[in-house]
């Protein structure tokens, strides 16, 4: 049985699961007003979501996740739990957000971008440390952000970039591995998601 606390005027498609109980003692899923949750989406218990959530199809939001207001989570996106996502965020189709990730407010993450949290996949046991994406940052399509990396406020990560080191605020990261460049004038001023 699903455990949920839904706000008013939520529209949940048939075939969506809100309140998937992963543990007997889990807290209910809390979803704010005016959510639109499409079929194939699964949202676990121990999740708190603000108002005006919109999902695509086949989204997964795992336990111990907090999501702010006015967030779009695109089709086939996975938020793998123990994650904090701010308000006015757009995660496009196929984004992967691992455990222990922090995403600020007014952030854009483009299609198929991958955030990572495991410095030594399978080779040895290590602490999982996801990236931090600060307020106003943009990450373009197919970019990869490595564990523990911070993408600074209003920074821009170019399409296909592989980010191995922190990206300072208001900086462009481009290439593989990514190099820092001055942020072009047309990319300055932050996102206009809301």
N, C-alpha and C. Protein backbone atom coordinates (compact mmCIF):
# COMPACT_ATOMS: atom_id res chain seq x y z
N UNK A 1 0.84 -1.19 0.00
CA UNK A 1 0.00 0.00 0.00
C UNK A 1 0.88 1.25 0.00
N UNK A 2 0.56 2.21 -0.86
CA UNK A 2 1.33 3.44 -0.96
C UNK A 2 1.06 4.34 0.25
N UNK A 3 2.11 5.00 0.72
CA UNK A 3 1.99 5.93 1.84
C UNK A 3 2.26 7.33 1.30
N UNK A 4 1.22 8.17 1.26
CA UNK A 4 1.38 9.49 0.65
C UNK A 4 0.61 10.55 1.40
N UNK A 5 1.09 11.77 1.25
CA UNK A 5 0.40 12.96 1.73
C UNK A 5 0.43 13.93 0.55
N UNK A 6 -0.65 13.94 -0.23
CA UNK A 6 -0.71 14.74 -1.45
C UNK A 6 -1.38 16.09 -1.21
N UNK A 7 -0.82 17.13 -1.83
CA UNK A 7 -1.44 18.44 -1.81
C UNK A 7 -2.66 18.47 -2.70
N UNK A 8 -3.31 19.61 -2.77
CA UNK A 8 -4.52 19.74 -3.59
C UNK A 8 -4.16 19.84 -5.07
N UNK A 9 -5.12 19.43 -5.89
CA UNK A 9 -5.03 19.54 -7.34
C UNK A 9 -3.81 18.81 -7.93
N UNK A 10 -3.45 17.69 -7.36
CA UNK A 10 -2.39 16.86 -7.93
C UNK A 10 -2.99 15.97 -9.01
N UNK A 11 -2.30 15.83 -10.11
CA UNK A 11 -2.74 15.02 -11.24
C UNK A 11 -1.73 13.88 -11.41
N UNK A 12 -2.14 12.68 -11.03
CA UNK A 12 -1.25 11.53 -11.08
C UNK A 12 -1.80 10.51 -12.07
N UNK A 13 -1.03 10.21 -13.11
CA UNK A 13 -1.46 9.26 -14.13
C UNK A 13 -1.62 7.86 -13.56
N UNK A 14 -2.50 7.09 -14.19
CA UNK A 14 -2.57 5.67 -13.92
C UNK A 14 -1.22 5.06 -14.29
N UNK A 15 -0.72 4.17 -13.49
CA UNK A 15 0.59 3.57 -13.75
C UNK A 15 1.74 4.30 -13.08
N UNK A 16 1.44 5.37 -12.36
CA UNK A 16 2.47 6.05 -11.54
C UNK A 16 2.32 5.55 -10.11
N UNK A 17 3.43 5.44 -9.39
CA UNK A 17 3.41 5.02 -7.99
C UNK A 17 4.00 6.12 -7.15
N UNK A 18 3.18 6.68 -6.28
CA UNK A 18 3.66 7.71 -5.36
C UNK A 18 3.51 7.13 -3.96
N UNK A 19 4.65 6.94 -3.28
CA UNK A 19 4.64 6.36 -1.95
C UNK A 19 5.06 4.91 -1.94
N UNK A 20 5.97 4.54 -2.84
CA UNK A 20 6.50 3.17 -2.84
C UNK A 20 7.23 2.95 -1.52
N UNK A 21 6.73 1.98 -0.75
CA UNK A 21 7.27 1.76 0.60
C UNK A 21 8.51 0.87 0.51
N UNK A 22 9.66 1.47 0.78
CA UNK A 22 10.94 0.76 0.73
C UNK A 22 11.31 0.18 2.08
N UNK A 23 10.61 0.63 3.13
CA UNK A 23 10.90 0.19 4.49
C UNK A 23 9.62 0.28 5.31
N UNK A 24 9.43 -0.66 6.23
CA UNK A 24 8.22 -0.68 7.06
C UNK A 24 8.04 0.59 7.88
N UNK A 25 9.13 1.21 8.31
CA UNK A 25 9.02 2.39 9.17
C UNK A 25 9.26 3.70 8.41
N UNK A 26 9.12 3.67 7.11
CA UNK A 26 9.34 4.86 6.29
C UNK A 26 8.24 5.90 6.52
N UNK A 27 8.64 7.17 6.44
CA UNK A 27 7.66 8.26 6.50
C UNK A 27 6.94 8.37 5.16
N UNK A 28 5.71 8.89 5.18
CA UNK A 28 4.96 9.02 3.93
C UNK A 28 5.66 9.95 2.94
N UNK A 29 5.37 9.74 1.69
CA UNK A 29 5.78 10.68 0.64
C UNK A 29 4.92 11.92 0.79
N UNK A 30 5.55 13.08 0.73
CA UNK A 30 4.82 14.35 0.81
C UNK A 30 5.00 15.06 -0.53
N UNK A 31 3.88 15.37 -1.19
CA UNK A 31 3.92 16.09 -2.46
C UNK A 31 3.04 17.32 -2.31
N UNK A 32 3.60 18.49 -2.64
CA UNK A 32 2.86 19.74 -2.52
C UNK A 32 1.76 19.88 -3.55
N UNK A 33 1.09 21.00 -3.54
CA UNK A 33 -0.03 21.28 -4.43
C UNK A 33 0.39 21.31 -5.90
N UNK A 34 -0.59 20.98 -6.75
CA UNK A 34 -0.49 21.17 -8.20
C UNK A 34 0.62 20.35 -8.86
N UNK A 35 0.86 19.15 -8.38
CA UNK A 35 1.85 18.27 -9.02
C UNK A 35 1.23 17.60 -10.25
N UNK A 36 2.08 17.32 -11.24
CA UNK A 36 1.69 16.55 -12.44
C UNK A 36 2.69 15.41 -12.56
N UNK A 37 2.25 14.18 -12.23
CA UNK A 37 3.13 13.02 -12.20
C UNK A 37 2.66 12.03 -13.25
N UNK A 38 3.52 11.76 -14.23
CA UNK A 38 3.12 10.96 -15.39
C UNK A 38 3.38 9.46 -15.18
N UNK A 39 2.76 8.66 -16.03
CA UNK A 39 2.80 7.20 -15.92
C UNK A 39 4.23 6.67 -15.93
N UNK A 40 4.40 5.57 -15.22
CA UNK A 40 5.71 4.94 -15.13
C UNK A 40 6.60 5.53 -14.05
N UNK A 41 6.19 6.64 -13.48
CA UNK A 41 7.00 7.29 -12.43
C UNK A 41 6.82 6.55 -11.11
N UNK A 42 7.93 6.39 -10.38
CA UNK A 42 7.89 5.81 -9.05
C UNK A 42 8.59 6.77 -8.09
N UNK A 43 7.85 7.17 -7.06
CA UNK A 43 8.40 8.03 -6.02
C UNK A 43 8.30 7.28 -4.71
N UNK A 44 9.44 7.06 -4.06
CA UNK A 44 9.51 6.29 -2.82
C UNK A 44 8.94 7.08 -1.65
N UNK A 45 8.75 6.37 -0.52
CA UNK A 45 8.45 7.04 0.75
C UNK A 45 9.72 7.71 1.23
N UNK A 46 9.61 8.49 2.30
CA UNK A 46 10.72 9.30 2.81
C UNK A 46 11.19 10.32 1.78
N UNK A 47 10.25 10.85 1.00
CA UNK A 47 10.53 11.89 0.00
C UNK A 47 9.60 13.07 0.29
N UNK A 48 10.16 14.28 0.24
CA UNK A 48 9.37 15.50 0.40
C UNK A 48 9.54 16.36 -0.84
N UNK A 49 8.41 16.73 -1.45
CA UNK A 49 8.42 17.50 -2.70
C UNK A 49 7.53 18.73 -2.51
N UNK A 50 8.01 19.87 -2.98
CA UNK A 50 7.24 21.10 -2.88
C UNK A 50 6.12 21.17 -3.90
N UNK A 51 5.65 22.37 -4.17
CA UNK A 51 4.53 22.59 -5.09
C UNK A 51 4.99 22.62 -6.54
N UNK A 52 4.06 22.30 -7.42
CA UNK A 52 4.22 22.44 -8.88
C UNK A 52 5.28 21.52 -9.47
N UNK A 53 5.42 20.32 -8.93
CA UNK A 53 6.30 19.32 -9.55
C UNK A 53 5.69 18.86 -10.86
N UNK A 54 6.53 18.73 -11.89
CA UNK A 54 6.11 18.12 -13.15
C UNK A 54 7.12 17.05 -13.50
N UNK A 55 6.64 15.81 -13.73
CA UNK A 55 7.53 14.76 -14.20
C UNK A 55 7.18 14.36 -15.62
N UNK A 56 8.20 13.83 -16.30
CA UNK A 56 7.96 13.11 -17.54
C UNK A 56 7.56 11.69 -17.18
N UNK A 57 7.62 10.78 -18.14
CA UNK A 57 7.29 9.38 -17.91
C UNK A 57 8.52 8.63 -17.39
N UNK A 58 8.27 7.59 -16.61
CA UNK A 58 9.32 6.66 -16.16
C UNK A 58 10.42 7.35 -15.35
N UNK A 59 10.04 8.25 -14.47
CA UNK A 59 10.97 8.91 -13.55
C UNK A 59 11.08 8.07 -12.29
N UNK A 60 12.26 8.04 -11.68
CA UNK A 60 12.46 7.37 -10.40
C UNK A 60 13.01 8.37 -9.40
N UNK A 61 12.34 8.50 -8.24
CA UNK A 61 12.82 9.34 -7.14
C UNK A 61 12.91 8.43 -5.91
N UNK A 62 14.13 8.15 -5.48
CA UNK A 62 14.37 7.24 -4.36
C UNK A 62 14.26 7.96 -3.03
N UNK A 63 14.30 7.18 -1.93
CA UNK A 63 14.09 7.64 -0.57
C UNK A 63 15.11 8.69 -0.13
N UNK A 64 14.71 9.41 0.94
CA UNK A 64 15.55 10.44 1.57
C UNK A 64 15.95 11.54 0.60
N UNK A 65 14.98 11.95 -0.20
CA UNK A 65 15.18 13.03 -1.16
C UNK A 65 14.24 14.17 -0.82
N UNK A 66 14.75 15.39 -0.94
CA UNK A 66 13.96 16.59 -0.76
C UNK A 66 14.03 17.40 -2.05
N UNK A 67 12.87 17.80 -2.56
CA UNK A 67 12.78 18.56 -3.81
C UNK A 67 11.95 19.81 -3.52
N UNK A 68 12.42 20.96 -3.99
CA UNK A 68 11.72 22.23 -3.76
C UNK A 68 10.51 22.43 -4.65
N UNK A 69 10.11 23.70 -4.80
CA UNK A 69 8.96 24.09 -5.61
C UNK A 69 9.36 24.30 -7.07
N UNK A 70 8.38 24.12 -7.97
CA UNK A 70 8.54 24.45 -9.39
C UNK A 70 9.71 23.70 -10.02
N UNK A 71 9.70 22.39 -9.86
CA UNK A 71 10.76 21.54 -10.40
C UNK A 71 10.19 20.67 -11.52
N UNK A 72 10.94 20.57 -12.61
CA UNK A 72 10.62 19.68 -13.73
C UNK A 72 11.64 18.55 -13.72
N UNK A 73 11.14 17.31 -13.75
CA UNK A 73 11.99 16.12 -13.79
C UNK A 73 11.62 15.37 -15.07
N UNK A 74 12.52 15.37 -16.05
CA UNK A 74 12.22 14.83 -17.37
C UNK A 74 12.13 13.32 -17.43
N UNK A 75 11.54 12.84 -18.51
CA UNK A 75 11.37 11.42 -18.78
C UNK A 75 12.68 10.65 -18.59
N UNK A 76 12.58 9.48 -17.99
CA UNK A 76 13.71 8.57 -17.77
C UNK A 76 14.80 9.15 -16.87
N UNK A 77 14.48 10.12 -16.07
CA UNK A 77 15.45 10.68 -15.12
C UNK A 77 15.43 9.84 -13.84
N UNK A 78 16.62 9.64 -13.27
CA UNK A 78 16.75 8.89 -12.02
C UNK A 78 17.38 9.80 -10.97
N UNK A 79 16.69 9.93 -9.85
CA UNK A 79 17.22 10.62 -8.68
C UNK A 79 17.37 9.52 -7.64
N UNK A 80 18.62 9.12 -7.38
CA UNK A 80 18.90 7.86 -6.69
C UNK A 80 18.90 7.96 -5.17
N UNK A 81 18.26 8.97 -4.61
CA UNK A 81 18.06 9.05 -3.17
C UNK A 81 19.12 9.81 -2.42
N UNK A 82 18.77 10.15 -1.16
CA UNK A 82 19.68 10.88 -0.28
C UNK A 82 20.22 12.13 -0.96
N UNK A 83 19.30 12.86 -1.58
CA UNK A 83 19.63 14.00 -2.43
C UNK A 83 18.76 15.18 -2.06
N UNK A 84 19.32 16.39 -2.21
CA UNK A 84 18.56 17.62 -2.01
C UNK A 84 18.57 18.41 -3.31
N UNK A 85 17.37 18.79 -3.76
CA UNK A 85 17.21 19.58 -4.98
C UNK A 85 16.40 20.81 -4.61
N UNK A 86 16.88 21.98 -5.01
CA UNK A 86 16.22 23.24 -4.68
C UNK A 86 14.97 23.49 -5.49
N UNK A 87 14.58 24.75 -5.56
CA UNK A 87 13.40 25.19 -6.31
C UNK A 87 13.80 25.76 -7.67
N UNK A 88 12.83 25.79 -8.58
CA UNK A 88 13.04 26.33 -9.93
C UNK A 88 14.18 25.59 -10.63
N UNK A 89 14.09 24.27 -10.61
CA UNK A 89 15.12 23.40 -11.21
C UNK A 89 14.50 22.65 -12.38
N UNK A 90 15.28 22.49 -13.45
CA UNK A 90 14.85 21.71 -14.60
C UNK A 90 15.87 20.62 -14.87
N UNK A 91 15.46 19.37 -14.65
CA UNK A 91 16.27 18.20 -14.98
C UNK A 91 15.66 17.60 -16.25
N UNK A 92 16.34 17.67 -17.35
CA UNK A 92 15.79 17.25 -18.62
C UNK A 92 15.82 15.72 -18.77
N UNK A 93 15.43 15.21 -19.92
CA UNK A 93 15.31 13.79 -20.18
C UNK A 93 16.61 13.03 -19.91
N UNK A 94 16.49 11.92 -19.18
CA UNK A 94 17.60 11.00 -19.01
C UNK A 94 18.71 11.45 -18.10
N UNK A 95 18.47 12.39 -17.20
CA UNK A 95 19.50 12.85 -16.27
C UNK A 95 19.66 11.80 -15.17
N UNK A 96 20.91 11.59 -14.73
CA UNK A 96 21.17 10.70 -13.59
C UNK A 96 21.74 11.53 -12.44
N UNK A 97 21.05 11.47 -11.30
CA UNK A 97 21.46 12.17 -10.09
C UNK A 97 21.71 11.11 -9.02
N UNK A 98 22.98 10.91 -8.60
CA UNK A 98 23.28 9.86 -7.63
C UNK A 98 23.04 10.29 -6.19
N UNK A 99 23.15 9.32 -5.28
CA UNK A 99 23.06 9.61 -3.85
C UNK A 99 24.08 10.67 -3.44
N UNK A 100 23.71 11.40 -2.38
CA UNK A 100 24.60 12.38 -1.76
C UNK A 100 24.94 13.55 -2.69
N UNK A 101 23.98 13.94 -3.49
CA UNK A 101 24.13 15.08 -4.39
C UNK A 101 23.30 16.24 -3.87
N UNK A 102 23.81 17.46 -4.06
CA UNK A 102 23.07 18.67 -3.71
C UNK A 102 22.95 19.53 -4.95
N UNK A 103 21.72 19.92 -5.27
CA UNK A 103 21.45 20.81 -6.41
C UNK A 103 20.72 22.03 -5.85
N UNK A 104 21.26 23.21 -6.12
CA UNK A 104 20.68 24.45 -5.61
C UNK A 104 19.43 24.89 -6.35
N UNK A 105 19.09 26.16 -6.20
CA UNK A 105 17.93 26.76 -6.85
C UNK A 105 18.30 27.25 -8.25
N UNK A 106 17.28 27.28 -9.12
CA UNK A 106 17.41 27.87 -10.45
C UNK A 106 18.53 27.20 -11.26
N UNK A 107 18.56 25.87 -11.22
CA UNK A 107 19.58 25.09 -11.91
C UNK A 107 18.95 24.39 -13.11
N UNK A 108 19.70 24.34 -14.21
CA UNK A 108 19.29 23.61 -15.41
C UNK A 108 20.29 22.49 -15.65
N UNK A 109 19.77 21.26 -15.83
CA UNK A 109 20.62 20.11 -16.16
C UNK A 109 20.06 19.51 -17.44
N UNK A 110 20.87 19.54 -18.51
CA UNK A 110 20.43 19.14 -19.84
C UNK A 110 20.29 17.64 -20.02
N UNK A 111 19.72 17.24 -21.17
CA UNK A 111 19.45 15.84 -21.45
C UNK A 111 20.70 14.97 -21.35
N UNK A 112 20.51 13.81 -20.72
CA UNK A 112 21.53 12.76 -20.60
C UNK A 112 22.76 13.19 -19.82
N UNK A 113 22.68 14.29 -19.07
CA UNK A 113 23.80 14.65 -18.20
C UNK A 113 23.90 13.62 -17.09
N UNK A 114 25.12 13.32 -16.67
CA UNK A 114 25.35 12.30 -15.65
C UNK A 114 26.18 12.91 -14.52
N UNK A 115 25.63 12.85 -13.32
CA UNK A 115 26.36 13.24 -12.13
C UNK A 115 26.81 11.93 -11.47
N UNK A 116 28.01 11.90 -10.91
CA UNK A 116 28.53 10.65 -10.35
C UNK A 116 28.93 10.84 -8.89
N UNK A 117 29.00 9.72 -8.14
CA UNK A 117 29.32 9.81 -6.71
C UNK A 117 30.33 8.78 -6.24
N UNK A 118 30.85 7.95 -7.11
CA UNK A 118 31.73 6.86 -6.70
C UNK A 118 33.09 7.02 -7.39
N UNK A 119 34.09 7.42 -6.60
CA UNK A 119 35.41 7.69 -7.17
C UNK A 119 36.10 6.44 -7.69
N UNK A 120 35.79 5.29 -7.09
CA UNK A 120 36.46 4.03 -7.48
C UNK A 120 35.40 2.95 -7.73
N UNK A 121 34.59 3.07 -8.79
CA UNK A 121 33.51 2.12 -9.00
C UNK A 121 34.00 0.67 -8.96
N UNK A 122 33.45 -0.07 -8.03
CA UNK A 122 33.67 -1.51 -7.83
C UNK A 122 35.08 -1.85 -7.36
N UNK A 123 36.10 -1.09 -7.68
CA UNK A 123 37.49 -1.45 -7.38
C UNK A 123 37.78 -1.51 -5.89
N UNK A 124 37.22 -0.58 -5.13
CA UNK A 124 37.42 -0.60 -3.69
C UNK A 124 36.27 0.13 -3.02
N UNK A 125 36.05 -0.19 -1.76
CA UNK A 125 34.98 0.46 -1.02
C UNK A 125 35.41 1.88 -0.68
N UNK A 126 34.55 2.84 -0.99
CA UNK A 126 34.85 4.23 -0.67
C UNK A 126 33.55 4.95 -0.36
N UNK A 127 33.67 6.07 0.33
CA UNK A 127 32.50 6.89 0.65
C UNK A 127 31.93 7.49 -0.63
N UNK A 128 30.61 7.42 -0.76
CA UNK A 128 29.94 8.00 -1.92
C UNK A 128 29.76 9.50 -1.68
N UNK A 129 30.33 10.31 -2.57
CA UNK A 129 30.25 11.76 -2.45
C UNK A 129 29.78 12.32 -3.79
N UNK A 130 28.53 12.74 -3.83
CA UNK A 130 27.99 13.31 -5.05
C UNK A 130 28.47 14.73 -5.26
N UNK A 131 28.21 15.27 -6.44
CA UNK A 131 28.59 16.65 -6.71
C UNK A 131 27.64 17.65 -6.05
N UNK A 132 28.07 18.89 -6.02
CA UNK A 132 27.24 20.01 -5.57
C UNK A 132 27.09 20.95 -6.76
N UNK A 133 25.85 21.22 -7.12
CA UNK A 133 25.56 22.15 -8.21
C UNK A 133 24.93 23.38 -7.56
N UNK A 134 25.64 24.50 -7.56
CA UNK A 134 25.18 25.69 -6.85
C UNK A 134 24.14 26.46 -7.64
N UNK A 135 23.49 27.40 -6.96
CA UNK A 135 22.39 28.19 -7.53
C UNK A 135 22.76 28.78 -8.89
N UNK A 136 21.81 28.69 -9.82
CA UNK A 136 21.95 29.35 -11.12
C UNK A 136 22.85 28.65 -12.11
N UNK A 137 23.43 27.52 -11.76
CA UNK A 137 24.34 26.83 -12.68
C UNK A 137 23.56 26.14 -13.80
N UNK A 138 24.21 25.97 -14.93
CA UNK A 138 23.66 25.23 -16.08
C UNK A 138 24.63 24.15 -16.48
N UNK A 139 24.09 22.97 -16.71
CA UNK A 139 24.88 21.85 -17.20
C UNK A 139 24.23 21.38 -18.49
N UNK A 140 24.96 21.43 -19.58
CA UNK A 140 24.39 21.12 -20.89
C UNK A 140 24.35 19.60 -21.13
N UNK A 141 23.77 19.22 -22.25
CA UNK A 141 23.54 17.82 -22.60
C UNK A 141 24.81 16.99 -22.59
N UNK A 142 24.68 15.76 -22.10
CA UNK A 142 25.73 14.76 -22.12
C UNK A 142 26.98 15.13 -21.33
N UNK A 143 26.91 16.12 -20.47
CA UNK A 143 28.05 16.44 -19.61
C UNK A 143 28.13 15.40 -18.50
N UNK A 144 29.33 15.19 -17.98
CA UNK A 144 29.55 14.28 -16.86
C UNK A 144 30.26 15.05 -15.75
N UNK A 145 29.70 14.99 -14.55
CA UNK A 145 30.27 15.67 -13.39
C UNK A 145 30.76 14.58 -12.43
N UNK A 146 32.05 14.58 -12.12
CA UNK A 146 32.65 13.54 -11.30
C UNK A 146 32.38 13.75 -9.81
N UNK A 147 32.61 12.71 -8.97
CA UNK A 147 32.30 12.77 -7.54
C UNK A 147 32.97 13.95 -6.83
N UNK A 148 32.20 14.57 -5.93
CA UNK A 148 32.75 15.61 -5.07
C UNK A 148 33.00 16.94 -5.74
N UNK A 149 32.74 17.06 -7.02
CA UNK A 149 32.98 18.31 -7.75
C UNK A 149 31.88 19.31 -7.41
N UNK A 150 32.27 20.57 -7.26
CA UNK A 150 31.30 21.66 -7.08
C UNK A 150 31.27 22.49 -8.35
N UNK A 151 30.07 22.67 -8.89
CA UNK A 151 29.86 23.58 -10.01
C UNK A 151 29.32 24.86 -9.40
N UNK A 152 30.09 25.94 -9.49
CA UNK A 152 29.79 27.18 -8.78
C UNK A 152 28.57 27.92 -9.28
N UNK A 153 28.17 28.90 -8.50
CA UNK A 153 26.99 29.71 -8.79
C UNK A 153 27.09 30.35 -10.18
N UNK A 154 26.03 30.21 -10.95
CA UNK A 154 25.91 30.79 -12.30
C UNK A 154 26.98 30.29 -13.27
N UNK A 155 27.66 29.19 -12.95
CA UNK A 155 28.63 28.60 -13.88
C UNK A 155 27.88 27.87 -14.99
N UNK A 156 28.59 27.61 -16.08
CA UNK A 156 28.00 26.93 -17.24
C UNK A 156 28.93 25.81 -17.67
N UNK A 157 28.40 24.57 -17.69
CA UNK A 157 29.15 23.41 -18.15
C UNK A 157 28.66 23.09 -19.55
N UNK A 158 29.58 23.09 -20.52
CA UNK A 158 29.22 22.89 -21.92
C UNK A 158 28.82 21.45 -22.21
N UNK A 159 28.13 21.25 -23.31
CA UNK A 159 27.70 19.93 -23.74
C UNK A 159 28.90 19.00 -23.89
N UNK A 160 28.76 17.79 -23.36
CA UNK A 160 29.79 16.78 -23.49
C UNK A 160 31.01 16.97 -22.62
N UNK A 161 31.05 18.00 -21.81
CA UNK A 161 32.20 18.24 -20.94
C UNK A 161 32.32 17.14 -19.90
N UNK A 162 33.55 16.83 -19.53
CA UNK A 162 33.81 15.90 -18.43
C UNK A 162 34.49 16.73 -17.35
N UNK A 163 33.75 16.98 -16.26
CA UNK A 163 34.22 17.90 -15.23
C UNK A 163 34.87 17.10 -14.11
N UNK A 164 36.19 17.26 -13.99
CA UNK A 164 36.97 16.51 -13.01
C UNK A 164 37.37 17.35 -11.80
N UNK A 165 37.27 18.68 -11.92
CA UNK A 165 37.64 19.60 -10.84
C UNK A 165 36.53 20.64 -10.66
N UNK A 166 36.53 21.29 -9.51
CA UNK A 166 35.54 22.32 -9.24
C UNK A 166 35.52 23.38 -10.34
N UNK A 167 34.32 23.89 -10.61
CA UNK A 167 34.13 24.97 -11.58
C UNK A 167 33.77 26.22 -10.79
N UNK A 168 34.61 27.26 -10.84
CA UNK A 168 34.30 28.49 -10.08
C UNK A 168 33.01 29.15 -10.56
N UNK A 169 32.44 29.97 -9.71
CA UNK A 169 31.24 30.74 -10.05
C UNK A 169 31.47 31.54 -11.33
N UNK A 170 30.41 31.67 -12.12
CA UNK A 170 30.40 32.50 -13.33
C UNK A 170 31.55 32.16 -14.28
N UNK A 171 31.78 30.85 -14.46
CA UNK A 171 32.84 30.36 -15.33
C UNK A 171 32.25 29.34 -16.30
N UNK A 172 32.83 29.25 -17.48
CA UNK A 172 32.46 28.24 -18.47
C UNK A 172 33.43 27.08 -18.34
N UNK A 173 32.91 25.85 -18.26
CA UNK A 173 33.73 24.63 -18.27
C UNK A 173 33.44 23.91 -19.58
N UNK A 174 34.49 23.67 -20.36
CA UNK A 174 34.30 23.11 -21.70
C UNK A 174 35.41 22.10 -21.99
N UNK A 175 35.06 21.00 -22.64
CA UNK A 175 36.05 20.02 -23.07
C UNK A 175 36.09 18.78 -22.21
N UNK A 176 37.01 17.88 -22.57
CA UNK A 176 37.18 16.61 -21.87
C UNK A 176 38.66 16.30 -21.72
N UNK A 177 39.26 16.47 -20.55
CA UNK A 177 38.63 17.01 -19.35
C UNK A 177 38.33 18.50 -19.51
N UNK A 178 37.36 18.95 -18.74
CA UNK A 178 36.91 20.34 -18.88
C UNK A 178 37.99 21.32 -18.46
N UNK A 179 38.07 22.41 -19.21
CA UNK A 179 38.96 23.53 -18.89
C UNK A 179 38.10 24.74 -18.60
N UNK A 180 38.60 25.60 -17.71
CA UNK A 180 37.88 26.82 -17.36
C UNK A 180 38.14 27.90 -18.40
N UNK A 181 37.09 28.59 -18.76
CA UNK A 181 37.14 29.73 -19.67
C UNK A 181 36.28 30.84 -19.08
N UNK A 182 36.53 32.08 -19.47
CA UNK A 182 35.62 33.15 -19.04
C UNK A 182 34.22 32.88 -19.58
N UNK A 183 33.23 33.21 -18.80
CA UNK A 183 31.85 33.02 -19.21
C UNK A 183 31.49 34.06 -20.26
N UNK A 184 31.09 33.63 -21.47
CA UNK A 184 30.72 34.60 -22.51
C UNK A 184 29.53 35.45 -22.08
N UNK A 185 29.48 36.67 -22.55
CA UNK A 185 28.43 37.61 -22.18
C UNK A 185 27.03 37.01 -22.39
N UNK A 186 26.81 36.29 -23.50
CA UNK A 186 25.47 35.75 -23.78
C UNK A 186 25.06 34.66 -22.80
N UNK A 187 25.99 34.12 -22.02
CA UNK A 187 25.67 33.11 -21.03
C UNK A 187 25.59 33.66 -19.61
N UNK A 188 25.86 34.93 -19.43
CA UNK A 188 25.84 35.51 -18.09
C UNK A 188 24.41 35.91 -17.70
N UNK A 189 24.21 36.12 -16.42
CA UNK A 189 22.91 36.59 -15.95
C UNK A 189 22.03 35.52 -15.34
N UNK A 190 22.47 34.27 -15.28
CA UNK A 190 21.69 33.22 -14.63
C UNK A 190 20.58 32.67 -15.50
N UNK A 191 19.92 31.64 -14.97
CA UNK A 191 18.84 30.95 -15.69
C UNK A 191 17.52 31.66 -15.50
N UNK A 192 16.62 31.43 -16.44
CA UNK A 192 15.27 31.99 -16.36
C UNK A 192 14.29 30.83 -16.47
N UNK A 193 14.34 29.92 -15.50
CA UNK A 193 13.53 28.71 -15.53
C UNK A 193 12.09 28.97 -15.11
N UNK A 194 11.92 29.71 -14.04
CA UNK A 194 10.56 29.92 -13.48
C UNK A 194 9.72 30.81 -14.36
